Protein backbone atom coordinates (compact mmCIF):
# COMPACT_ATOMS: atom_id res chain seq x y z
CA MET A 1 -6.34 -76.54 146.34
CA THR A 2 -5.71 -72.88 146.77
CA ASN A 3 -3.59 -70.46 144.82
CA GLU A 4 -2.83 -66.78 144.61
CA ASN A 5 -6.30 -65.88 143.44
CA ASP A 6 -8.12 -69.20 143.35
CA GLY A 7 -9.49 -68.23 139.97
CA ALA A 8 -8.42 -66.28 136.93
CA LYS A 9 -9.26 -62.61 136.55
CA ASN A 10 -12.44 -61.80 138.51
CA ASP A 11 -13.66 -65.31 139.24
CA LYS A 12 -15.57 -65.70 142.49
CA ARG A 13 -14.15 -68.24 144.94
CA THR A 14 -16.06 -70.38 147.42
CA ASN A 15 -14.36 -72.50 150.08
CA ASP A 16 -17.02 -73.67 152.54
CA ILE A 17 -15.05 -76.63 153.90
CA LEU A 18 -15.65 -78.23 157.29
CA LEU A 19 -12.30 -77.05 158.64
CA GLY A 20 -12.74 -73.55 157.20
CA PRO A 21 -13.52 -71.89 160.58
CA LEU A 22 -10.15 -73.18 161.84
CA GLU A 23 -8.12 -72.97 158.64
CA ARG A 24 -8.95 -69.40 157.60
CA PRO A 25 -7.90 -67.72 160.91
CA ALA A 26 -4.72 -69.83 160.94
CA LEU A 27 -3.80 -68.78 157.41
CA GLN A 28 -4.47 -65.13 158.24
CA PHE A 29 -2.22 -65.42 161.31
CA PHE A 30 0.60 -66.94 159.29
CA ALA A 31 0.17 -64.30 156.55
CA ARG A 32 0.37 -61.43 159.05
CA ASN A 33 3.48 -62.82 160.73
CA MET A 34 5.32 -64.09 157.65
CA PRO A 35 8.82 -62.57 157.24
CA ALA A 36 9.04 -59.94 154.49
CA TRP A 37 11.60 -61.96 152.54
CA VAL A 38 9.15 -64.85 152.09
CA ASN A 39 6.89 -64.52 149.05
CA SER A 40 4.11 -66.55 147.47
CA ASP A 41 6.39 -68.25 144.95
CA MET A 42 8.56 -69.59 147.76
CA LEU A 43 5.50 -70.99 149.49
CA THR A 44 4.31 -72.65 146.27
CA VAL A 45 7.70 -74.36 145.89
CA PHE A 46 7.61 -75.27 149.59
CA GLY A 47 4.23 -76.96 149.07
CA LEU A 48 5.64 -78.94 146.14
CA PHE A 49 8.59 -79.94 148.32
CA GLY A 50 6.11 -81.29 150.87
CA ALA A 51 4.57 -83.48 148.16
CA PHE A 52 8.02 -84.88 147.31
CA VAL A 53 8.61 -85.59 151.00
CA THR A 54 5.32 -87.49 151.21
CA GLY A 55 5.89 -89.46 148.00
CA PHE A 56 9.46 -90.40 148.94
CA SER A 57 8.41 -91.39 152.46
CA TYR A 58 5.67 -93.67 151.18
CA ALA A 59 8.15 -95.30 148.80
CA MET A 60 10.46 -95.91 151.77
CA VAL A 61 7.56 -97.43 153.71
CA GLY A 62 7.41 -100.08 151.00
CA ARG A 63 10.95 -101.21 151.84
CA GLY A 64 10.01 -102.52 155.28
CA GLU A 65 7.20 -103.43 157.60
CA ILE A 66 4.31 -101.00 157.75
CA LYS A 67 3.61 -101.37 161.46
CA GLY A 68 5.92 -99.13 163.46
CA ASN A 69 7.48 -97.68 160.29
CA PRO A 70 8.81 -94.15 161.11
CA TRP A 71 8.50 -93.11 157.46
CA LEU A 72 4.74 -92.89 158.00
CA TRP A 73 5.34 -89.95 160.35
CA VAL A 74 7.58 -88.31 157.73
CA ALA A 75 4.83 -88.80 155.14
CA SER A 76 2.39 -87.05 157.48
CA LEU A 77 4.91 -84.23 157.95
CA GLY A 78 5.06 -83.92 154.15
CA PHE A 79 1.29 -83.48 154.05
CA PHE A 80 1.55 -80.66 156.60
CA ILE A 81 4.33 -78.97 154.58
CA ASN A 82 2.23 -79.33 151.43
CA TRP A 83 -0.82 -77.84 153.16
CA PHE A 84 1.22 -74.96 154.59
CA GLY A 85 2.79 -73.95 151.27
CA ASP A 86 -0.16 -74.69 148.99
CA SER A 87 -2.77 -72.99 151.17
CA LEU A 88 -0.72 -70.04 152.39
CA ASP A 89 0.67 -68.82 149.05
CA GLY A 90 -2.70 -67.37 148.04
CA SER A 91 -3.48 -65.99 151.49
CA LEU A 92 -0.11 -64.21 151.62
CA ALA A 93 -0.57 -62.74 148.14
CA ARG A 94 -4.02 -61.41 149.02
CA TYR A 95 -2.85 -60.07 152.39
CA ARG A 96 0.00 -58.14 150.75
CA HIS A 97 -2.13 -57.18 147.72
CA HIS A 98 0.34 -58.88 145.39
CA GLU A 99 -2.20 -61.00 143.52
CA ARG A 100 -1.29 -62.25 140.05
CA PRO A 101 -4.58 -63.83 138.99
CA ASN A 102 -3.64 -65.51 135.71
CA PHE A 103 -0.13 -66.56 136.71
CA GLY A 104 -1.21 -67.79 140.13
CA TYR A 105 -4.20 -69.73 138.80
CA TYR A 106 -2.22 -71.42 136.05
CA VAL A 107 0.98 -72.28 137.94
CA ASP A 108 -0.70 -73.40 141.15
CA HIS A 109 -3.09 -75.80 139.48
CA ALA A 110 -0.43 -77.11 137.11
CA ILE A 111 1.62 -77.96 140.21
CA ASP A 112 -1.45 -79.54 141.82
CA GLY A 113 -1.39 -82.13 139.04
CA ILE A 114 2.26 -82.98 139.72
CA THR A 115 1.59 -83.07 143.46
CA SER A 116 -1.25 -85.54 143.01
CA LEU A 117 0.87 -87.80 140.79
CA ILE A 118 3.75 -87.86 143.31
CA ILE A 119 1.54 -88.66 146.32
CA PHE A 120 -0.61 -91.33 144.66
CA ALA A 121 2.44 -92.97 143.11
CA GLY A 122 4.04 -93.01 146.55
CA VAL A 123 0.99 -94.73 148.01
CA GLY A 124 1.20 -97.31 145.24
CA LEU A 125 4.88 -97.96 146.00
CA SER A 126 4.35 -98.12 149.77
CA GLY A 127 2.65 -101.49 149.88
CA ILE A 128 -0.32 -99.88 151.61
CA ALA A 129 -2.34 -100.27 148.41
CA ARG A 130 -1.75 -101.92 145.07
CA PHE A 131 -0.07 -99.65 142.52
CA ASP A 132 -2.80 -100.18 139.90
CA ILE A 133 -5.52 -99.26 142.41
CA ALA A 134 -3.54 -96.17 143.45
CA MET A 135 -3.34 -95.14 139.79
CA LEU A 136 -7.10 -95.68 139.44
CA ALA A 137 -7.64 -93.38 142.43
CA LEU A 138 -5.27 -90.84 140.86
CA SER A 139 -7.25 -90.91 137.61
CA CYS A 140 -10.53 -90.30 139.42
CA TRP A 141 -8.97 -87.51 141.51
CA LEU A 142 -7.68 -85.81 138.35
CA LEU A 143 -11.17 -86.05 136.87
CA LEU A 144 -12.42 -84.10 139.87
CA MET A 145 -9.71 -81.48 139.35
CA ILE A 146 -10.60 -81.15 135.66
CA GLN A 147 -14.27 -80.71 136.53
CA VAL A 148 -13.44 -77.89 138.97
CA TYR A 149 -11.35 -76.04 136.38
CA LEU A 150 -13.97 -76.45 133.64
CA LYS A 151 -16.71 -75.24 135.97
CA THR A 152 -14.59 -72.24 136.94
CA HIS A 153 -14.16 -71.36 133.26
CA VAL A 154 -17.84 -71.54 132.32
CA THR A 155 -19.41 -70.17 135.52
CA GLY A 156 -16.74 -67.76 136.82
CA THR A 157 -16.94 -69.40 140.27
CA PHE A 158 -14.03 -71.34 141.72
CA GLU A 159 -15.90 -73.87 143.88
CA MET A 160 -13.48 -75.97 145.92
CA THR A 161 -16.25 -78.13 147.36
CA SER A 162 -20.01 -78.35 147.63
CA ILE A 163 -20.17 -80.99 150.38
CA GLY A 164 -17.80 -79.46 152.94
CA ILE A 165 -14.87 -81.74 152.11
CA GLY A 166 -11.86 -80.25 150.35
CA PRO A 167 -8.12 -80.94 150.03
CA THR A 168 -7.52 -79.96 153.67
CA GLU A 169 -9.98 -82.57 154.96
CA VAL A 170 -8.50 -85.19 152.61
CA ARG A 171 -4.99 -84.47 153.93
CA LEU A 172 -6.19 -84.77 157.53
CA PHE A 173 -7.93 -88.07 156.76
CA VAL A 174 -4.73 -89.51 155.27
CA VAL A 175 -2.65 -88.30 158.24
CA ILE A 176 -5.07 -90.07 160.59
CA LEU A 177 -4.84 -93.18 158.41
CA ASN A 178 -1.03 -93.02 158.56
CA THR A 179 -1.22 -92.91 162.36
CA VAL A 180 -3.54 -95.93 162.45
CA LEU A 181 -1.23 -97.81 160.10
CA TYR A 182 1.79 -97.03 162.26
CA PHE A 183 0.23 -98.61 165.34
CA THR A 184 -1.71 -101.45 163.70
CA GLY A 185 -0.03 -102.23 160.39
CA ILE A 186 -1.96 -103.15 157.30
CA GLY A 187 -2.11 -106.92 157.63
CA GLY A 188 -1.89 -109.40 154.80
CA TYR A 189 -4.27 -110.04 151.97
CA ILE A 190 -7.83 -110.25 153.24
CA TRP A 191 -9.42 -110.85 149.86
CA THR A 192 -7.99 -112.68 146.88
CA LEU A 193 -9.63 -112.64 143.48
CA THR A 194 -8.75 -114.73 140.46
CA ILE A 195 -8.51 -112.69 137.28
CA LYS A 196 -7.58 -114.53 134.07
CA GLY A 197 -6.22 -117.37 136.13
CA GLU A 198 -3.94 -115.11 138.18
CA PRO A 199 -4.43 -114.36 141.91
CA TYR A 200 -5.26 -110.74 142.67
CA GLY A 201 -4.80 -110.01 146.35
CA LEU A 202 -6.36 -107.05 148.13
CA THR A 203 -5.21 -105.59 151.44
CA ILE A 204 -7.25 -103.33 153.69
CA GLY A 205 -5.32 -100.37 152.26
CA SER A 206 -6.15 -101.41 148.69
CA ILE A 207 -9.82 -101.64 149.56
CA ILE A 208 -9.79 -98.21 151.26
CA VAL A 209 -8.05 -96.59 148.28
CA PHE A 210 -10.44 -98.35 145.88
CA VAL A 211 -13.43 -97.06 147.86
CA LEU A 212 -11.93 -93.56 147.69
CA ALA A 213 -11.52 -93.93 143.92
CA ILE A 214 -15.18 -94.90 143.57
CA ALA A 215 -16.16 -91.95 145.80
CA PHE A 216 -14.09 -89.57 143.64
CA LEU A 217 -15.67 -90.97 140.48
CA GLY A 218 -19.19 -90.84 141.93
CA TYR A 219 -18.75 -87.24 143.05
CA TYR A 220 -17.32 -86.36 139.63
CA ILE A 221 -20.38 -87.81 137.88
CA TYR A 222 -22.69 -86.02 140.33
CA GLN A 223 -20.94 -82.69 139.75
CA VAL A 224 -20.95 -83.11 135.96
CA LEU A 225 -24.68 -83.89 135.90
CA ARG A 226 -25.51 -81.13 138.39
CA THR A 227 -23.45 -78.53 136.56
CA ALA A 228 -24.68 -79.63 133.12
CA ILE A 229 -28.34 -79.37 134.21
CA THR A 230 -27.73 -75.90 135.67
CA LEU A 231 -25.87 -74.69 132.59
CA SER A 232 -28.53 -76.16 130.29
CA ALA A 233 -31.27 -74.28 132.16
CA GLN A 234 -29.24 -71.06 132.06
CA ASP A 235 -28.49 -71.42 128.34
CA GLU A 236 -32.14 -72.23 127.63
CA ALA A 237 -33.23 -69.08 129.48
CA ARG A 238 -30.68 -67.02 127.55
CA LEU A 239 -31.89 -68.59 124.29
CA VAL A 240 -35.50 -67.68 125.08
CA LYS A 241 -34.42 -64.10 125.84
CA ARG A 242 -32.42 -63.90 122.60
CA GLN A 243 -35.35 -65.24 120.59
CA ALA A 244 -37.73 -62.81 122.26
CA LYS A 245 -35.31 -59.96 121.61
CA ALA A 246 -34.94 -61.04 117.98
CA ALA A 247 -38.73 -61.24 117.64
CA ARG A 248 -39.14 -57.72 119.10
CA LYS A 249 -36.44 -56.44 116.77
CA ALA A 250 -38.11 -58.07 113.76
CA GLU A 251 -41.50 -56.68 114.81
CA LYS A 252 -40.00 -53.22 115.22
CA ALA A 253 -38.36 -53.47 111.80
CA GLU A 254 -41.68 -54.61 110.31
CA ARG A 255 -43.55 -51.66 111.86
CA LYS A 256 -40.86 -49.32 110.61
CA ALA A 257 -41.14 -50.78 107.12
CA GLU A 258 -44.94 -50.44 107.19
CA LYS A 259 -44.64 -46.86 108.41
CA LYS A 260 -42.19 -46.10 105.62
CA ALA A 261 -44.48 -47.74 103.06
CA ARG A 262 -47.48 -45.67 104.25
CA LYS A 263 -45.39 -42.54 104.10
CA GLU A 264 -44.31 -43.34 100.55
CA GLN A 265 -47.92 -44.05 99.54
CA LYS A 266 -49.02 -40.76 101.07
CA THR A 267 -46.24 -38.94 99.25
CA GLN A 268 -47.21 -40.59 95.95
CA ALA A 269 -50.87 -39.66 96.54
CA VAL A 270 -49.93 -36.02 97.18
CA ASP A 271 -47.77 -35.98 94.06
CA THR A 272 -50.60 -37.47 92.00
CA THR A 273 -53.09 -34.89 93.28
CA SER A 274 -50.66 -32.07 92.64
CA THR A 275 -50.05 -33.27 89.09
CA SER A 276 -53.80 -33.53 88.38
CA THR A 277 -54.43 -30.03 89.68
CA LYS A 278 -51.65 -28.62 87.56
CA GLU A 279 -53.02 -30.29 84.44
CA ASP A 280 -56.49 -28.84 85.11
CA VAL A 281 -55.06 -25.33 85.46
CA THR A 282 -52.98 -25.41 82.28
CA THR A 283 -55.64 -26.97 79.96
CA PRO A 284 -56.92 -24.22 77.50
CA THR A 285 -60.68 -23.50 77.22
CA VAL A 286 -62.21 -24.02 73.76
């Protein structure tokens, strides 16, 4: 998710998402036409408010039937509010040249963690998916977030996605899913497992969220391996350069020492010759 700088200090940011060609012009339009009294902090809070709207709406969905439940539309509205505030705060700061790299990076991503907790907990309370499966998906999503922040720290590149799917696409997918649920409902349990003698029922929503959790985890593992291999190769190359530099330095020091030793030997030889000549001159003739 975006922030005021999308990276601390001079980190490079990449955001090659599928909806980028549509999202970036829209954000620039909103930034140009935003009232002067609105600032990035307000938009950050507005995005957090959208997450609360979504989480509360999902919890209210769990109090009634899913099919035809108007709270699903409110949940989708919350996603739009969250996108608007969370994505526009950084664009507005950059447009007005009011970037605060360290503050923006820290606060925005700290809030991203709270936002994720609120939304996934809401899904778990909605009846759309089991609460334990929603928490599993949350855990895998947070792993992805941690990987992004670690990679930003060690590489200096804030990479929101490498497969064209970012938070904006995920929000749109969930909004579409909410619409489908409104018109079709979720149905009853379609798969029941027996775990330790207790029935464990799975709805379509639980299966979808579980599949998303596995996808998050799989992408996390892929990114960790990919990044680790790249960093290992880079560190190995740096190590070879350091060793070569150390070897050249040692060789230079050795040549310098040899040169100094030859100079000292030459000086001693000159001194010895001078002393011998002086003794020959001063020896009396019998």
